Amino acid sequence: MLPFFLEREVIYKGMNASGWAMFSILMFKKTVVSNWVPLRAYHKN
């Protein structure tokens, strides 16, 4: 009973961590793109 519970807890925490990682990467990419595109447009002109 206990090992199963611990295993489930670890899997849940792992999924949560990878979910947060994906979320942070997506937010980071969004921020970089929204800052990078105007910068590129500015330098082209």
C-alpha atoms as a PDB file:
ATOM      1  CA  MET A   1       0.000   0.000   0.000  1.00  0.00           C
ATOM      2  CA  LEU A   2       2.699   2.449   1.013  1.00  0.00           C
ATOM      3  CA  PRO A   3       5.054   1.881  -1.964  1.00  0.00           C
ATOM      4  CA  PHE A   4       2.138   2.323  -4.364  1.00  0.00           C
ATOM      5  CA  PHE A   5       1.143   5.545  -2.649  1.00  0.00           C
ATOM      6  CA  LEU A   6       4.711   6.846  -2.743  1.00  0.00           C
ATOM      7  CA  GLU A   7       5.097   5.845  -6.379  1.00  0.00           C
ATOM      8  CA  ARG A   8       1.883   7.611  -7.286  1.00  0.00           C
ATOM      9  CA  GLU A   9       3.048  10.708  -5.377  1.00  0.00           C
ATOM     10  CA  VAL A  10       6.364  10.724  -7.253  1.00  0.00           C
ATOM     11  CA  ILE A  11       4.650  10.320 -10.628  1.00  0.00           C
ATOM     12  CA  TYR A  12       2.229  13.125  -9.776  1.00  0.00           C
ATOM     13  CA  LYS A  13       5.049  15.429  -8.699  1.00  0.00           C
ATOM     14  CA  GLY A  14       7.036  14.555 -11.814  1.00  0.00           C
ATOM     15  CA  MET A  15       4.103  15.343 -14.076  1.00  0.00           C
ATOM     16  CA  ASN A  16       3.509  18.567 -12.191  1.00  0.00           C
ATOM     17  CA  ALA A  17       7.169  19.566 -12.563  1.00  0.00           C
ATOM     18  CA  SER A  18       7.275  18.790 -16.286  1.00  0.00           C
ATOM     19  CA  GLY A  19       4.010  20.661 -16.724  1.00  0.00           C
ATOM     20  CA  TRP A  20       5.499  23.706 -15.019  1.00  0.00           C
ATOM     21  CA  ALA A  21       8.657  23.357 -17.144  1.00  0.00           C
ATOM     22  CA  MET A  22       6.607  23.287 -20.343  1.00  0.00           C
ATOM     23  CA  PHE A  23       4.560  26.255 -19.147  1.00  0.00           C
ATOM     24  CA  SER A  24       7.666  28.280 -18.242  1.00  0.00           C
ATOM     25  CA  ILE A  25       9.313  27.472 -21.585  1.00  0.00           C
ATOM     26  CA  LEU A  26       6.178  28.518 -23.466  1.00  0.00           C
ATOM     27  CA  MET A  27       5.908  31.756 -21.496  1.00  0.00           C
ATOM     28  CA  PHE A  28       9.632  32.394 -21.986  1.00  0.00           C
ATOM     29  CA  LYS A  29       9.337  31.831 -25.737  1.00  0.00           C
ATOM     30  CA  LYS A  30       6.303  34.126 -25.898  1.00  0.00           C
ATOM     31  CA  THR A  31       8.197  36.850 -24.048  1.00  0.00           C
ATOM     32  CA  VAL A  32      11.320  36.456 -26.172  1.00  0.00           C
ATOM     33  CA  VAL A  33       9.329  36.501 -29.423  1.00  0.00           C
ATOM     34  CA  SER A  34       7.256  39.519 -28.406  1.00  0.00           C
ATOM     35  CA  ASN A  35      10.447  41.388 -27.452  1.00  0.00           C
ATOM     36  CA  TRP A  36      12.568  40.090 -30.336  1.00  0.00           C
ATOM     37  CA  VAL A  37      10.180  40.821 -33.241  1.00  0.00           C
ATOM     38  CA  PRO A  38       9.793  44.593 -32.578  1.00  0.00           C
ATOM     39  CA  LEU A  39      13.543  44.773 -32.020  1.00  0.00           C
ATOM     40  CA  ARG A  40      14.220  43.177 -35.405  1.00  0.00           C
ATOM     41  CA  ALA A  41      11.688  45.440 -37.108  1.00  0.00           C
ATOM     42  CA  TYR A  42      13.302  48.458 -35.460  1.00  0.00           C
ATOM     43  CA  HIS A  43      16.778  47.477 -36.641  1.00  0.00           C
ATOM     44  CA  LYS A  44      15.605  46.837 -40.194  1.00  0.00           C
ATOM     45  CA  ASN A  45      14.281  50.389 -40.571  1.00  0.00           C
END
